Amino acid sequence: MSATPREPRVLLGIGFMVLAASLLPVMTGLVQWLSPRYPSEQIVWARITGHLVVMLAIMLPSAGLRVFATRRPAAQLGRSLMQLISTGFHFTALASIPLVKATAIGFISPFIVALLAWPILGERPRLGRMIAVLVAFSGVLVVIRPGSPEFQWASLLVLGSACAFAFYQVLTRMVAPHDRADTSALYSALLGAVVLSLAAPFFWVTPQSLGDAIAMLSVGAFGAAGHYCVARAMSYAPAAVISPFHYWQIIGATIMGVIVTGLWPDTVTWAGAAIVVSAGIYLALSEGRRR
């Protein structure tokens, strides 16, 4: 009986995570569609600046300028820098590699967080966690296929993006006890929006059509909506319950990849993705049971 009132909230959290995992592939699909015609810097600018504008529109009316107040300014700027690097690497890679491959490689990020949690956060690793990390990394190697004719150097950019995003997540854990969640959400896009807006005259290409302009605006809107849904999902249910549904993103990435390029992922990519996803689900469930 005591579990009954929580059940609808858990289902709502799962729904928000599935929605996030459906929205974010639309964003990356638009990025891949725009990449042949526009510089990566401009698309990254659209993504980060759109995120910042949406956050300001939501937060300023209720919180005012105090939303910028932070007790950990260096860590917040570090988070923003890692977000900029991660987005820049990922979007640049999408001009060269299939969407599903990029998504599968990006799934390594939670495992890098598990490794960084020991030296930075003092969370001692357990045997099960380390095994999951090794299995996930083997899955990424299957997807990347180093040394084979199918190997693409852009895959290393996605790996670098996952590493930067892992540092972003660790820094987010560090500032969580000290700053409001909306403050952290704002700072995640602040540095990148300012830097790229100042540099925009050097890389700007005027949109060639109304459709391109709408797609550029939609990159920021879908990104902001996706990350908002992730935050809402985590507020309704434990991370161990919610996290496995993040892997629904591989389905959305497949659909968008077919729409944009007409190409289906090959069997080896599916096999590598399955290894990474399986390791991630095991890690989420084992961490949840331990807690």
Protein backbone atom coordinates (compact mmCIF):
# COMPACT_ATOMS: atom_id res chain seq x y z
CA MET A 1 0.00 0.00 0.00
CA SER A 2 2.82 2.40 0.82
CA ALA A 3 4.25 1.97 -2.69
CA THR A 4 0.99 2.85 -4.44
CA PRO A 5 1.21 6.68 -4.23
CA ARG A 6 4.75 6.64 -5.69
CA GLU A 7 3.98 4.41 -8.65
CA PRO A 8 2.40 7.09 -10.88
CA ARG A 9 5.38 9.39 -10.23
CA VAL A 10 7.83 6.67 -11.23
CA LEU A 11 5.87 6.05 -14.43
CA LEU A 12 5.85 9.80 -15.07
CA GLY A 13 9.62 9.88 -14.62
CA ILE A 14 10.05 7.03 -17.09
CA GLY A 15 7.78 8.87 -19.52
CA PHE A 16 9.90 12.03 -19.27
CA MET A 17 13.11 10.05 -19.87
CA VAL A 18 11.64 8.31 -22.93
CA LEU A 19 10.48 11.70 -24.21
CA ALA A 20 13.99 13.11 -23.69
CA ALA A 21 15.51 10.13 -25.49
CA SER A 22 13.11 10.83 -28.38
CA LEU A 23 13.76 14.59 -28.58
CA LEU A 24 17.57 14.54 -28.44
CA PRO A 25 18.00 12.37 -31.58
CA VAL A 26 15.84 14.87 -33.48
CA MET A 27 18.33 17.56 -32.44
CA THR A 28 21.33 15.53 -33.60
CA GLY A 29 19.54 14.58 -36.82
CA LEU A 30 19.03 18.27 -37.59
CA VAL A 31 22.71 18.86 -36.82
CA GLN A 32 23.73 16.17 -39.31
CA TRP A 33 21.34 17.62 -41.92
CA LEU A 34 22.78 21.13 -41.51
CA SER A 35 26.46 20.12 -41.29
CA PRO A 36 27.22 19.92 -45.04
CA ARG A 37 26.15 23.56 -45.53
CA TYR A 38 27.18 25.35 -42.34
CA PRO A 39 30.29 25.42 -40.14
CA SER A 40 30.17 23.36 -36.96
CA GLU A 41 30.85 26.48 -34.88
CA GLN A 42 27.62 28.07 -36.10
CA ILE A 43 25.55 24.97 -35.32
CA VAL A 44 27.12 24.70 -31.85
CA TRP A 45 26.31 28.40 -31.35
CA ALA A 46 22.68 27.74 -32.30
CA ARG A 47 22.49 24.80 -29.89
CA ILE A 48 24.03 26.52 -26.87
CA THR A 49 22.56 29.99 -27.41
CA GLY A 50 19.09 28.54 -27.99
CA HIS A 51 19.44 26.61 -24.73
CA LEU A 52 20.45 29.79 -22.89
CA VAL A 53 17.58 31.83 -24.33
CA VAL A 54 15.03 29.18 -23.33
CA MET A 55 16.48 28.98 -19.80
CA LEU A 56 16.42 32.77 -19.39
CA ALA A 57 12.84 32.97 -20.64
CA ILE A 58 11.77 30.40 -18.04
CA MET A 59 13.84 31.59 -15.07
CA LEU A 60 14.11 35.38 -15.20
CA PRO A 61 10.38 36.13 -14.68
CA SER A 62 10.27 34.13 -11.43
CA ALA A 63 13.84 34.28 -10.06
CA GLY A 64 15.19 37.52 -11.50
CA LEU A 65 18.93 38.20 -11.62
CA ARG A 66 19.56 36.14 -8.50
CA VAL A 67 19.49 33.08 -10.74
CA PHE A 68 23.08 34.05 -11.69
CA ALA A 69 24.25 33.92 -8.04
CA THR A 70 26.63 31.00 -7.45
CA ARG A 71 28.81 29.87 -4.56
CA ARG A 72 31.12 27.93 -6.89
CA PRO A 73 31.86 30.25 -9.86
CA ALA A 74 35.04 28.41 -10.94
CA ALA A 75 33.28 25.03 -11.00
CA GLN A 76 30.29 26.51 -12.85
CA LEU A 77 32.53 28.03 -15.52
CA GLY A 78 34.36 24.71 -15.74
CA ARG A 79 31.03 22.97 -16.34
CA SER A 80 30.18 25.46 -19.05
CA LEU A 81 33.58 24.94 -20.71
CA MET A 82 33.18 21.15 -20.67
CA GLN A 83 29.70 21.50 -22.18
CA LEU A 84 31.11 23.69 -24.95
CA ILE A 85 33.94 21.24 -25.71
CA SER A 86 31.61 18.23 -25.62
CA THR A 87 29.05 19.83 -27.93
CA GLY A 88 31.74 21.12 -30.32
CA PHE A 89 33.43 17.73 -30.68
CA HIS A 90 30.14 15.87 -31.08
CA PHE A 91 28.64 18.21 -33.66
CA THR A 92 31.88 18.28 -35.67
CA ALA A 93 31.95 14.47 -35.75
CA LEU A 94 28.35 14.27 -36.97
CA ALA A 95 29.44 15.76 -40.28
CA SER A 96 31.44 12.58 -40.97
CA ILE A 97 30.02 9.56 -39.13
CA PRO A 98 26.57 7.92 -38.92
CA LEU A 99 24.23 9.13 -36.21
CA VAL A 100 23.80 5.70 -34.60
CA LYS A 101 27.56 5.19 -34.34
CA ALA A 102 28.00 8.58 -32.68
CA THR A 103 25.17 7.81 -30.25
CA ALA A 104 26.59 4.40 -29.35
CA ILE A 105 30.07 5.82 -28.68
CA GLY A 106 28.57 8.64 -26.61
CA PHE A 107 26.98 6.06 -24.29
CA ILE A 108 30.46 5.51 -22.78
CA SER A 109 30.13 8.79 -20.84
CA PRO A 110 28.45 7.32 -17.69
CA PHE A 111 31.25 4.78 -17.41
CA ILE A 112 33.90 7.51 -17.59
CA VAL A 113 31.99 9.23 -14.78
CA ALA A 114 32.27 6.01 -12.77
CA LEU A 115 36.07 6.12 -13.24
CA LEU A 116 36.39 9.83 -12.42
CA ALA A 117 34.24 9.52 -9.29
CA TRP A 118 37.12 7.84 -7.43
CA PRO A 119 39.91 10.46 -7.75
CA ILE A 120 37.62 13.51 -7.84
CA LEU A 121 34.64 12.66 -5.63
CA GLY A 122 36.23 10.03 -3.41
CA GLU A 123 33.76 7.30 -4.42
CA ARG A 124 35.77 4.08 -4.18
CA PRO A 125 35.14 1.76 -7.16
CA ARG A 126 33.54 -1.65 -6.69
CA LEU A 127 34.37 -4.76 -8.67
CA GLY A 128 30.99 -4.79 -10.43
CA ARG A 129 31.38 -1.17 -11.49
CA MET A 130 34.86 -1.77 -12.92
CA ILE A 131 33.68 -4.85 -14.84
CA ALA A 132 30.83 -2.79 -16.33
CA VAL A 133 33.32 -0.09 -17.37
CA LEU A 134 35.57 -2.64 -19.11
CA VAL A 135 32.63 -4.31 -20.88
CA ALA A 136 31.29 -0.94 -22.06
CA PHE A 137 34.70 0.11 -23.37
CA SER A 138 34.97 -3.17 -25.29
CA GLY A 139 31.59 -2.38 -26.85
CA VAL A 140 32.83 1.04 -27.93
CA LEU A 141 35.90 -0.58 -29.53
CA VAL A 142 33.55 -2.86 -31.47
CA VAL A 143 31.68 0.21 -32.77
CA ILE A 144 34.84 2.21 -33.57
CA ARG A 145 36.75 -0.76 -35.06
CA PRO A 146 40.29 0.70 -34.75
CA GLY A 147 42.72 -0.61 -37.35
CA SER A 148 39.99 -1.79 -39.71
CA PRO A 149 39.05 -0.20 -43.07
CA GLU A 150 35.78 0.96 -41.46
CA PHE A 151 37.60 3.03 -38.82
CA GLN A 152 36.79 6.77 -38.97
CA TRP A 153 38.92 9.37 -37.20
CA ALA A 154 35.80 11.35 -36.35
CA SER A 155 34.93 8.54 -33.91
CA LEU A 156 37.71 9.84 -31.68
CA LEU A 157 35.98 13.23 -31.59
CA VAL A 158 32.86 11.54 -30.20
CA LEU A 159 35.03 9.76 -27.63
CA GLY A 160 36.55 13.13 -26.67
CA SER A 161 33.04 14.56 -26.44
CA ALA A 162 32.02 11.76 -24.07
CA CYS A 163 35.07 12.43 -21.88
CA ALA A 164 34.29 16.16 -21.70
CA PHE A 165 30.65 15.42 -20.87
CA ALA A 166 31.79 13.04 -18.11
CA PHE A 167 33.83 15.85 -16.54
CA TYR A 168 30.75 18.06 -16.89
CA GLN A 169 28.67 15.56 -14.94
CA VAL A 170 31.27 15.19 -12.19
CA LEU A 171 31.47 18.98 -11.80
CA THR A 172 27.67 19.06 -11.69
CA ARG A 173 27.74 16.67 -8.74
CA MET A 174 30.30 18.92 -7.03
CA VAL A 175 28.19 22.09 -7.30
CA ALA A 176 24.83 20.42 -6.58
CA PRO A 177 25.02 20.87 -2.77
CA HIS A 178 25.93 24.55 -3.13
CA ASP A 179 23.92 26.02 -6.04
CA ARG A 180 20.30 25.84 -7.18
CA ALA A 181 19.50 23.46 -10.05
CA ASP A 182 18.23 26.30 -12.25
CA THR A 183 21.47 28.23 -11.67
CA SER A 184 23.47 25.22 -12.84
CA ALA A 185 21.20 24.79 -15.86
CA LEU A 186 21.82 28.41 -16.82
CA TYR A 187 25.60 28.29 -16.38
CA SER A 188 25.88 25.13 -18.46
CA ALA A 189 25.25 27.22 -21.58
CA LEU A 190 26.47 30.66 -20.47
CA LEU A 191 30.18 30.54 -21.32
CA GLY A 192 29.69 28.87 -24.69
CA ALA A 193 26.95 31.31 -25.72
CA VAL A 194 29.08 34.33 -24.83
CA VAL A 195 32.29 33.06 -26.47
CA LEU A 196 30.65 31.87 -29.67
CA SER A 197 28.50 35.01 -29.99
CA LEU A 198 31.66 37.14 -29.85
CA ALA A 199 33.33 34.92 -32.46
CA ALA A 200 30.24 34.62 -34.70
CA PRO A 201 31.33 37.25 -37.29
CA PHE A 202 34.34 35.06 -38.16
CA PHE A 203 32.38 31.91 -39.01
CA TRP A 204 28.81 33.08 -39.71
CA VAL A 205 27.05 31.84 -42.84
CA THR A 206 23.62 33.36 -43.49
CA PRO A 207 20.93 30.64 -43.65
CA GLN A 208 20.25 29.76 -47.28
CA SER A 209 16.52 29.17 -46.81
CA LEU A 210 13.69 29.55 -44.35
CA GLY A 211 13.86 25.80 -43.69
CA ASP A 212 17.54 26.06 -42.71
CA ALA A 213 16.79 28.97 -40.40
CA ILE A 214 13.97 27.04 -38.71
CA ALA A 215 16.23 23.98 -38.36
CA MET A 216 18.96 26.13 -36.79
CA LEU A 217 16.49 27.50 -34.24
CA SER A 218 15.07 24.03 -33.62
CA VAL A 219 18.51 22.63 -32.69
CA GLY A 220 18.55 24.84 -29.58
CA ALA A 221 14.88 24.27 -28.79
CA PHE A 222 15.05 20.46 -29.02
CA GLY A 223 18.28 20.41 -27.00
CA ALA A 224 16.80 22.54 -24.21
CA ALA A 225 13.57 20.52 -24.18
CA GLY A 226 15.45 17.23 -24.06
CA HIS A 227 17.64 18.24 -21.11
CA TYR A 228 14.63 19.70 -19.31
CA CYS A 229 12.85 16.35 -19.65
CA VAL A 230 15.91 14.56 -18.21
CA ALA A 231 15.87 16.87 -15.19
CA ARG A 232 12.13 16.30 -14.68
CA ALA A 233 12.57 12.54 -15.01
CA MET A 234 15.23 12.48 -12.30
CA SER A 235 12.99 14.48 -9.99
CA TYR A 236 10.21 11.87 -10.18
CA ALA A 237 12.13 8.62 -9.70
CA PRO A 238 15.55 7.27 -8.62
CA ALA A 239 18.32 7.51 -11.21
CA ALA A 240 18.80 3.71 -11.14
CA VAL A 241 15.20 3.26 -12.31
CA ILE A 242 15.28 6.05 -14.89
CA SER A 243 18.75 5.68 -16.43
CA PRO A 244 18.16 2.49 -18.47
CA PHE A 245 15.38 4.21 -20.41
CA HIS A 246 17.97 6.71 -21.67
CA TYR A 247 19.10 3.99 -24.07
CA TRP A 248 15.84 4.39 -25.98
CA GLN A 249 17.86 7.11 -27.71
CA ILE A 250 19.49 4.48 -29.93
CA ILE A 251 16.10 3.84 -31.56
CA GLY A 252 15.53 7.54 -32.20
CA ALA A 253 19.05 7.87 -33.59
CA THR A 254 18.42 4.98 -35.98
CA ILE A 255 15.19 6.53 -37.26
CA MET A 256 16.75 9.99 -37.70
CA GLY A 257 19.83 8.49 -39.35
CA VAL A 258 17.66 6.73 -41.93
CA ILE A 259 15.61 9.90 -42.54
CA VAL A 260 18.67 12.13 -42.97
CA THR A 261 21.10 9.81 -44.80
CA GLY A 262 19.00 6.81 -45.88
CA LEU A 263 21.57 4.46 -44.29
CA TRP A 264 20.86 1.66 -41.80
CA PRO A 265 23.52 0.82 -39.19
CA ASP A 266 25.45 -2.37 -39.91
CA THR A 267 25.45 -5.50 -37.77
CA VAL A 268 28.78 -4.71 -36.06
CA THR A 269 27.52 -1.30 -34.92
CA TRP A 270 24.38 -2.90 -33.48
CA ALA A 271 26.49 -5.51 -31.68
CA GLY A 272 28.78 -2.90 -30.13
CA ALA A 273 25.82 -0.74 -29.12
CA ALA A 274 24.14 -3.77 -27.50
CA ILE A 275 27.28 -4.44 -25.42
CA VAL A 276 27.43 -0.83 -24.19
CA VAL A 277 23.70 -0.68 -23.44
CA SER A 278 23.79 -4.00 -21.56
CA ALA A 279 26.69 -2.81 -19.42
CA GLY A 280 24.87 0.44 -18.71
CA ILE A 281 21.67 -1.29 -17.62
CA TYR A 282 23.67 -3.64 -15.37
CA LEU A 283 25.50 -0.69 -13.80
CA ALA A 284 22.29 1.25 -13.19
CA LEU A 285 20.48 -1.72 -11.64
CA SER A 286 23.43 -2.83 -9.49
CA GLU A 287 24.00 0.72 -8.18
CA GLY A 288 20.29 0.99 -7.39
CA ARG A 289 20.27 -2.28 -5.43
CA ARG A 290 23.40 -1.25 -3.49
CA ARG A 291 21.78 2.02 -2.43
